[in-house]
Amino acid sequence: MTQQQVRLVKQTWKLLREVNPILLGDVFYGRLFFKYPFLRPLFKGPMDAQYRKFFDMLSLIVARIDLPDTLGTEIAALVRSHNGYGVQPSHYEDVKAALLWTLEMGLGNDWNETVRQAWEACYDGLAQLMLAEE
């Protein structure tokens, strides 16, 4: 990621951190399950807890976006849990599409092609780290 992309991800996440995590999670998972219903069975239990985990993990990733090497423990734990749920490498693109859509909806007029590219680079970097852990 470029420094400009890091800055854009941090700036736009700062705007979204003001949104209720339950609402943000509901929008994200609603989109994910609408577009990719085959992923729904991977999520068992109350979704409110999952919404919070999603929000907290995004916050952590954005906070350390310029220090990806410091995410090793969290990435390893995330990969272990995802593997336990049956997440496949092919699912990463589905999640990426739902995340980018959610960000676009949440940011409204603050969303543009440059912001999309920054978030895409962020997600792709994270996905590469996660796939390398498998």
N, C-alpha and C. Protein backbone atom coordinates (compact mmCIF):
# COMPACT_ATOMS: atom_id res chain seq x y z
N MET A 1 0.84 -1.19 0.00
CA MET A 1 0.00 0.00 0.00
C MET A 1 0.88 1.24 0.00
N THR A 2 0.40 2.26 -0.68
CA THR A 2 1.11 3.53 -0.66
C THR A 2 0.75 4.29 0.61
N GLN A 3 1.53 5.30 0.93
CA GLN A 3 1.23 6.13 2.10
C GLN A 3 -0.12 6.85 1.93
N GLN A 4 -0.42 7.26 0.70
CA GLN A 4 -1.72 7.90 0.45
C GLN A 4 -2.86 6.92 0.72
N GLN A 5 -2.69 5.67 0.30
CA GLN A 5 -3.73 4.67 0.55
C GLN A 5 -3.91 4.41 2.04
N VAL A 6 -2.81 4.34 2.77
CA VAL A 6 -2.87 4.16 4.22
C VAL A 6 -3.65 5.31 4.84
N ARG A 7 -3.31 6.53 4.43
CA ARG A 7 -3.98 7.71 4.96
C ARG A 7 -5.48 7.69 4.65
N LEU A 8 -5.84 7.32 3.42
CA LEU A 8 -7.26 7.28 3.04
C LEU A 8 -8.03 6.23 3.83
N VAL A 9 -7.44 5.07 4.03
CA VAL A 9 -8.12 4.02 4.80
C VAL A 9 -8.34 4.50 6.22
N LYS A 10 -7.31 5.10 6.81
CA LYS A 10 -7.45 5.59 8.19
C LYS A 10 -8.49 6.70 8.29
N GLN A 11 -8.46 7.63 7.35
CA GLN A 11 -9.42 8.75 7.37
C GLN A 11 -10.86 8.26 7.21
N THR A 12 -11.07 7.36 6.27
CA THR A 12 -12.44 6.92 6.02
C THR A 12 -12.93 5.99 7.14
N TRP A 13 -12.04 5.20 7.73
CA TRP A 13 -12.47 4.37 8.86
C TRP A 13 -12.83 5.24 10.05
N LYS A 14 -12.12 6.34 10.21
CA LYS A 14 -12.45 7.26 11.30
C LYS A 14 -13.90 7.73 11.18
N LEU A 15 -14.34 7.98 9.96
CA LEU A 15 -15.74 8.37 9.73
C LEU A 15 -16.70 7.24 10.09
N LEU A 16 -16.34 6.02 9.72
CA LEU A 16 -17.22 4.88 9.96
C LEU A 16 -17.21 4.40 11.41
N ARG A 17 -16.19 4.73 12.14
CA ARG A 17 -16.14 4.33 13.56
C ARG A 17 -17.25 5.00 14.36
N GLU A 18 -17.81 6.04 13.80
CA GLU A 18 -18.92 6.73 14.48
C GLU A 18 -20.24 5.98 14.32
N VAL A 19 -20.25 5.01 13.41
CA VAL A 19 -21.46 4.23 13.16
C VAL A 19 -21.56 3.13 14.22
N ASN A 20 -22.76 2.81 14.63
CA ASN A 20 -22.98 1.72 15.57
C ASN A 20 -22.43 0.42 14.97
N PRO A 21 -21.55 -0.30 15.69
CA PRO A 21 -20.97 -1.53 15.16
C PRO A 21 -22.02 -2.58 14.78
N ILE A 22 -23.12 -2.61 15.50
CA ILE A 22 -24.18 -3.57 15.19
C ILE A 22 -24.80 -3.23 13.83
N LEU A 23 -25.01 -1.95 13.58
CA LEU A 23 -25.57 -1.53 12.29
C LEU A 23 -24.60 -1.84 11.16
N LEU A 24 -23.34 -1.49 11.35
CA LEU A 24 -22.33 -1.74 10.32
C LEU A 24 -22.23 -3.24 10.03
N GLY A 25 -22.19 -4.04 11.09
CA GLY A 25 -22.12 -5.49 10.92
C GLY A 25 -23.35 -6.05 10.23
N ASP A 26 -24.51 -5.52 10.59
CA ASP A 26 -25.76 -5.98 9.99
C ASP A 26 -25.78 -5.68 8.49
N VAL A 27 -25.31 -4.51 8.11
CA VAL A 27 -25.27 -4.14 6.69
C VAL A 27 -24.29 -5.06 5.95
N PHE A 28 -23.10 -5.25 6.53
CA PHE A 28 -22.08 -6.09 5.89
C PHE A 28 -22.57 -7.53 5.73
N TYR A 29 -23.00 -8.14 6.83
CA TYR A 29 -23.41 -9.54 6.76
C TYR A 29 -24.71 -9.70 5.97
N GLY A 30 -25.58 -8.71 6.02
CA GLY A 30 -26.78 -8.76 5.19
C GLY A 30 -26.42 -8.83 3.71
N ARG A 31 -25.47 -8.01 3.31
CA ARG A 31 -25.02 -8.02 1.91
C ARG A 31 -24.31 -9.33 1.58
N LEU A 32 -23.45 -9.77 2.49
CA LEU A 32 -22.70 -11.00 2.26
C LEU A 32 -23.64 -12.18 2.05
N PHE A 33 -24.64 -12.31 2.91
CA PHE A 33 -25.55 -13.45 2.81
C PHE A 33 -26.55 -13.30 1.67
N PHE A 34 -26.86 -12.07 1.29
CA PHE A 34 -27.75 -11.85 0.15
C PHE A 34 -27.07 -12.26 -1.15
N LYS A 35 -25.82 -11.82 -1.32
CA LYS A 35 -25.08 -12.10 -2.55
C LYS A 35 -24.49 -13.51 -2.57
N TYR A 36 -24.14 -14.03 -1.41
CA TYR A 36 -23.45 -15.32 -1.31
C TYR A 36 -24.12 -16.18 -0.24
N PRO A 37 -25.36 -16.61 -0.47
CA PRO A 37 -26.11 -17.32 0.56
C PRO A 37 -25.44 -18.61 1.04
N PHE A 38 -24.58 -19.18 0.23
CA PHE A 38 -23.88 -20.40 0.63
C PHE A 38 -22.92 -20.17 1.79
N LEU A 39 -22.63 -18.90 2.11
CA LEU A 39 -21.75 -18.59 3.24
C LEU A 39 -22.51 -18.54 4.57
N ARG A 40 -23.82 -18.39 4.53
CA ARG A 40 -24.61 -18.25 5.76
C ARG A 40 -24.40 -19.39 6.75
N PRO A 41 -24.36 -20.65 6.31
CA PRO A 41 -24.19 -21.75 7.26
C PRO A 41 -22.85 -21.74 8.01
N LEU A 42 -21.89 -20.97 7.54
CA LEU A 42 -20.60 -20.89 8.23
C LEU A 42 -20.70 -20.09 9.53
N PHE A 43 -21.77 -19.33 9.68
CA PHE A 43 -21.93 -18.46 10.84
C PHE A 43 -23.04 -19.00 11.73
N LYS A 44 -22.61 -19.55 12.85
CA LYS A 44 -23.56 -20.11 13.81
C LYS A 44 -23.59 -19.23 15.05
N GLY A 45 -24.67 -19.25 15.74
CA GLY A 45 -24.76 -18.47 16.96
C GLY A 45 -25.25 -17.06 16.71
N PRO A 46 -25.32 -16.27 17.78
CA PRO A 46 -25.86 -14.91 17.68
C PRO A 46 -24.97 -14.01 16.81
N MET A 47 -25.59 -13.34 15.88
CA MET A 47 -24.83 -12.49 14.96
C MET A 47 -24.35 -11.20 15.61
N ASP A 48 -25.02 -10.73 16.66
CA ASP A 48 -24.57 -9.49 17.31
C ASP A 48 -23.12 -9.61 17.76
N ALA A 49 -22.74 -10.77 18.29
CA ALA A 49 -21.36 -10.99 18.72
C ALA A 49 -20.43 -10.97 17.51
N GLN A 50 -20.87 -11.55 16.40
CA GLN A 50 -20.07 -11.55 15.18
C GLN A 50 -19.91 -10.14 14.63
N TYR A 51 -20.97 -9.34 14.71
CA TYR A 51 -20.90 -7.95 14.25
C TYR A 51 -19.80 -7.21 15.01
N ARG A 52 -19.76 -7.41 16.32
CA ARG A 52 -18.77 -6.73 17.16
C ARG A 52 -17.35 -7.20 16.80
N LYS A 53 -17.19 -8.51 16.59
CA LYS A 53 -15.87 -9.04 16.22
C LYS A 53 -15.40 -8.44 14.89
N PHE A 54 -16.33 -8.35 13.94
CA PHE A 54 -16.03 -7.78 12.63
C PHE A 54 -15.55 -6.33 12.79
N PHE A 55 -16.28 -5.55 13.55
CA PHE A 55 -15.95 -4.14 13.77
C PHE A 55 -14.61 -4.00 14.48
N ASP A 56 -14.41 -4.79 15.53
CA ASP A 56 -13.17 -4.71 16.30
C ASP A 56 -11.96 -5.13 15.47
N MET A 57 -12.12 -6.17 14.65
CA MET A 57 -11.00 -6.62 13.81
C MET A 57 -10.67 -5.56 12.77
N LEU A 58 -11.68 -4.96 12.16
CA LEU A 58 -11.41 -3.88 11.20
C LEU A 58 -10.70 -2.72 11.88
N SER A 59 -11.12 -2.38 13.07
CA SER A 59 -10.48 -1.28 13.81
C SER A 59 -9.02 -1.59 14.08
N LEU A 60 -8.73 -2.83 14.47
CA LEU A 60 -7.36 -3.23 14.75
C LEU A 60 -6.51 -3.20 13.48
N ILE A 61 -7.05 -3.72 12.40
CA ILE A 61 -6.31 -3.74 11.14
C ILE A 61 -6.00 -2.32 10.68
N VAL A 62 -6.98 -1.44 10.74
CA VAL A 62 -6.75 -0.06 10.31
C VAL A 62 -5.74 0.62 11.22
N ALA A 63 -5.81 0.37 12.50
CA ALA A 63 -4.87 0.99 13.44
C ALA A 63 -3.43 0.58 13.15
N ARG A 64 -3.25 -0.64 12.66
CA ARG A 64 -1.90 -1.16 12.41
C ARG A 64 -1.60 -1.33 10.92
N ILE A 65 -2.34 -0.66 10.10
CA ILE A 65 -2.22 -0.84 8.66
C ILE A 65 -0.81 -0.57 8.15
N ASP A 66 -0.12 0.36 8.78
CA ASP A 66 1.24 0.67 8.34
C ASP A 66 2.28 -0.18 9.07
N LEU A 67 1.83 -1.11 9.93
CA LEU A 67 2.71 -2.03 10.65
C LEU A 67 2.15 -3.45 10.56
N PRO A 68 1.98 -3.98 9.36
CA PRO A 68 1.31 -5.28 9.22
C PRO A 68 2.01 -6.42 9.96
N ASP A 69 3.31 -6.30 10.16
CA ASP A 69 4.04 -7.36 10.86
C ASP A 69 3.59 -7.50 12.31
N THR A 70 2.96 -6.47 12.87
CA THR A 70 2.51 -6.53 14.27
C THR A 70 1.16 -7.24 14.41
N LEU A 71 0.60 -7.68 13.30
CA LEU A 71 -0.70 -8.35 13.33
C LEU A 71 -0.58 -9.88 13.35
N GLY A 72 0.63 -10.39 13.44
CA GLY A 72 0.85 -11.83 13.32
C GLY A 72 0.00 -12.68 14.23
N THR A 73 -0.05 -12.36 15.51
CA THR A 73 -0.83 -13.16 16.46
C THR A 73 -2.31 -13.12 16.12
N GLU A 74 -2.82 -11.93 15.82
CA GLU A 74 -4.24 -11.78 15.50
C GLU A 74 -4.59 -12.49 14.19
N ILE A 75 -3.70 -12.38 13.20
CA ILE A 75 -3.95 -13.04 11.91
C ILE A 75 -3.97 -14.55 12.09
N ALA A 76 -3.01 -15.08 12.84
CA ALA A 76 -2.96 -16.53 13.07
C ALA A 76 -4.23 -17.01 13.76
N ALA A 77 -4.70 -16.27 14.76
CA ALA A 77 -5.93 -16.65 15.47
C ALA A 77 -7.14 -16.58 14.54
N LEU A 78 -7.18 -15.55 13.71
CA LEU A 78 -8.29 -15.39 12.77
C LEU A 78 -8.31 -16.54 11.76
N VAL A 79 -7.15 -16.90 11.26
CA VAL A 79 -7.06 -18.00 10.29
C VAL A 79 -7.50 -19.31 10.95
N ARG A 80 -7.05 -19.57 12.17
CA ARG A 80 -7.46 -20.80 12.87
C ARG A 80 -8.98 -20.86 13.02
N SER A 81 -9.57 -19.74 13.44
CA SER A 81 -11.03 -19.75 13.62
C SER A 81 -11.74 -19.90 12.28
N HIS A 82 -11.26 -19.22 11.25
CA HIS A 82 -11.88 -19.33 9.94
C HIS A 82 -11.77 -20.75 9.40
N ASN A 83 -10.61 -21.37 9.58
CA ASN A 83 -10.45 -22.75 9.12
C ASN A 83 -11.40 -23.68 9.86
N GLY A 84 -11.60 -23.43 11.14
CA GLY A 84 -12.52 -24.24 11.94
C GLY A 84 -13.96 -24.11 11.48
N TYR A 85 -14.30 -22.96 10.91
CA TYR A 85 -15.67 -22.72 10.43
C TYR A 85 -15.87 -23.23 9.00
N GLY A 86 -14.78 -23.57 8.32
CA GLY A 86 -14.89 -24.06 6.95
C GLY A 86 -14.69 -23.01 5.89
N VAL A 87 -14.09 -21.89 6.25
CA VAL A 87 -13.82 -20.83 5.26
C VAL A 87 -12.79 -21.35 4.25
N GLN A 88 -13.08 -21.13 2.99
CA GLN A 88 -12.21 -21.55 1.90
C GLN A 88 -11.52 -20.33 1.29
N PRO A 89 -10.34 -20.51 0.68
CA PRO A 89 -9.67 -19.38 0.03
C PRO A 89 -10.55 -18.64 -0.98
N SER A 90 -11.43 -19.37 -1.65
CA SER A 90 -12.30 -18.74 -2.65
C SER A 90 -13.30 -17.77 -2.01
N HIS A 91 -13.55 -17.90 -0.71
CA HIS A 91 -14.51 -17.02 -0.03
C HIS A 91 -13.96 -15.61 0.18
N TYR A 92 -12.66 -15.46 0.12
CA TYR A 92 -12.06 -14.15 0.38
C TYR A 92 -12.56 -13.09 -0.59
N GLU A 93 -12.73 -13.45 -1.84
CA GLU A 93 -13.22 -12.48 -2.83
C GLU A 93 -14.67 -12.10 -2.56
N ASP A 94 -15.46 -13.05 -2.08
CA ASP A 94 -16.86 -12.77 -1.74
C ASP A 94 -16.93 -11.77 -0.59
N VAL A 95 -16.12 -12.01 0.42
CA VAL A 95 -16.08 -11.11 1.58
C VAL A 95 -15.59 -9.73 1.16
N LYS A 96 -14.60 -9.71 0.30
CA LYS A 96 -14.07 -8.43 -0.19
C LYS A 96 -15.17 -7.62 -0.90
N ALA A 97 -15.93 -8.27 -1.76
CA ALA A 97 -17.00 -7.58 -2.48
C ALA A 97 -18.03 -7.01 -1.51
N ALA A 98 -18.41 -7.80 -0.50
CA ALA A 98 -19.39 -7.33 0.48
C ALA A 98 -18.83 -6.19 1.32
N LEU A 99 -17.55 -6.28 1.67
CA LEU A 99 -16.92 -5.22 2.46
C LEU A 99 -16.86 -3.92 1.67
N LEU A 100 -16.41 -3.98 0.43
CA LEU A 100 -16.31 -2.76 -0.38
C LEU A 100 -17.69 -2.13 -0.58
N TRP A 101 -18.70 -2.95 -0.80
CA TRP A 101 -20.07 -2.43 -0.94
C TRP A 101 -20.52 -1.75 0.34
N THR A 102 -20.25 -2.37 1.48
CA THR A 102 -20.63 -1.81 2.78
C THR A 102 -19.93 -0.48 3.01
N LEU A 103 -18.66 -0.42 2.70
CA LEU A 103 -17.91 0.83 2.86
C LEU A 103 -18.48 1.92 1.96
N GLU A 104 -18.79 1.55 0.73
CA GLU A 104 -19.37 2.52 -0.21
C GLU A 104 -20.70 3.06 0.33
N MET A 105 -21.55 2.18 0.82
CA MET A 105 -22.84 2.61 1.37
C MET A 105 -22.63 3.50 2.60
N GLY A 106 -21.70 3.13 3.44
CA GLY A 106 -21.47 3.87 4.68
C GLY A 106 -20.82 5.22 4.47
N LEU A 107 -19.95 5.30 3.48
CA LEU A 107 -19.22 6.55 3.26
C LEU A 107 -19.96 7.53 2.36
N GLY A 108 -20.89 7.05 1.58
CA GLY A 108 -21.67 7.95 0.72
C GLY A 108 -20.79 8.81 -0.16
N ASN A 109 -20.89 10.12 -0.02
CA ASN A 109 -20.15 11.06 -0.87
C ASN A 109 -18.65 11.04 -0.62
N ASP A 110 -18.21 10.44 0.47
CA ASP A 110 -16.77 10.34 0.74
C ASP A 110 -16.15 9.14 0.03
N TRP A 111 -16.96 8.35 -0.65
CA TRP A 111 -16.48 7.19 -1.38
C TRP A 111 -16.17 7.60 -2.82
N ASN A 112 -15.02 7.20 -3.33
CA ASN A 112 -14.67 7.43 -4.72
C ASN A 112 -13.71 6.33 -5.16
N GLU A 113 -13.27 6.39 -6.38
CA GLU A 113 -12.41 5.34 -6.93
C GLU A 113 -11.09 5.24 -6.17
N THR A 114 -10.53 6.35 -5.77
CA THR A 114 -9.27 6.34 -5.03
C THR A 114 -9.44 5.68 -3.67
N VAL A 115 -10.54 5.97 -3.00
CA VAL A 115 -10.82 5.34 -1.70
C VAL A 115 -11.05 3.84 -1.91
N ARG A 116 -11.78 3.49 -2.96
CA ARG A 116 -12.01 2.07 -3.24
C ARG A 116 -10.69 1.33 -3.45
N GLN A 117 -9.80 1.92 -4.21
CA GLN A 117 -8.51 1.29 -4.46
C GLN A 117 -7.70 1.15 -3.17
N ALA A 118 -7.79 2.13 -2.29
CA ALA A 118 -7.07 2.06 -1.02
C ALA A 118 -7.60 0.91 -0.16
N TRP A 119 -8.91 0.81 -0.04
CA TRP A 119 -9.50 -0.27 0.75
C TRP A 119 -9.25 -1.63 0.11
N GLU A 120 -9.26 -1.66 -1.21
CA GLU A 120 -8.98 -2.91 -1.91
C GLU A 120 -7.55 -3.36 -1.63
N ALA A 121 -6.61 -2.43 -1.65
CA ALA A 121 -5.22 -2.75 -1.35
C ALA A 121 -5.08 -3.23 0.10
N CYS A 122 -5.79 -2.59 1.00
CA CYS A 122 -5.78 -2.99 2.40
C CYS A 122 -6.29 -4.42 2.55
N TYR A 123 -7.44 -4.69 1.96
CA TYR A 123 -8.03 -6.03 2.06
C TYR A 123 -7.14 -7.08 1.40
N ASP A 124 -6.63 -6.76 0.22
CA ASP A 124 -5.78 -7.73 -0.49
C ASP A 124 -4.53 -8.06 0.31
N GLY A 125 -3.95 -7.05 0.96
CA GLY A 125 -2.78 -7.30 1.80
C GLY A 125 -3.11 -8.20 2.96
N LEU A 126 -4.24 -7.95 3.60
CA LEU A 126 -4.67 -8.79 4.72
C LEU A 126 -4.96 -10.21 4.24
N ALA A 127 -5.65 -10.34 3.12
CA ALA A 127 -5.97 -11.67 2.59
C ALA A 127 -4.70 -12.45 2.27
N GLN A 128 -3.69 -11.77 1.73
CA GLN A 128 -2.42 -12.45 1.44
C GLN A 128 -1.77 -12.96 2.72
N LEU A 129 -1.79 -12.13 3.77
CA LEU A 129 -1.24 -12.57 5.06
C LEU A 129 -2.01 -13.78 5.59
N MET A 130 -3.32 -13.74 5.48
CA MET A 130 -4.14 -14.84 5.99
C MET A 130 -3.92 -16.11 5.18
N LEU A 131 -3.87 -15.99 3.87
CA LEU A 131 -3.67 -17.17 3.04
C LEU A 131 -2.28 -17.77 3.25
N ALA A 132 -1.30 -16.94 3.55
CA ALA A 132 0.05 -17.43 3.83
C ALA A 132 0.11 -18.21 5.13
N GLU A 133 -0.82 -17.93 6.05
CA GLU A 133 -0.88 -18.62 7.35
C GLU A 133 -1.49 -20.01 7.23
N GLU A 134 -2.26 -20.25 6.17
CA GLU A 134 -2.99 -21.53 6.06
C GLU A 134 -2.05 -22.69 5.83
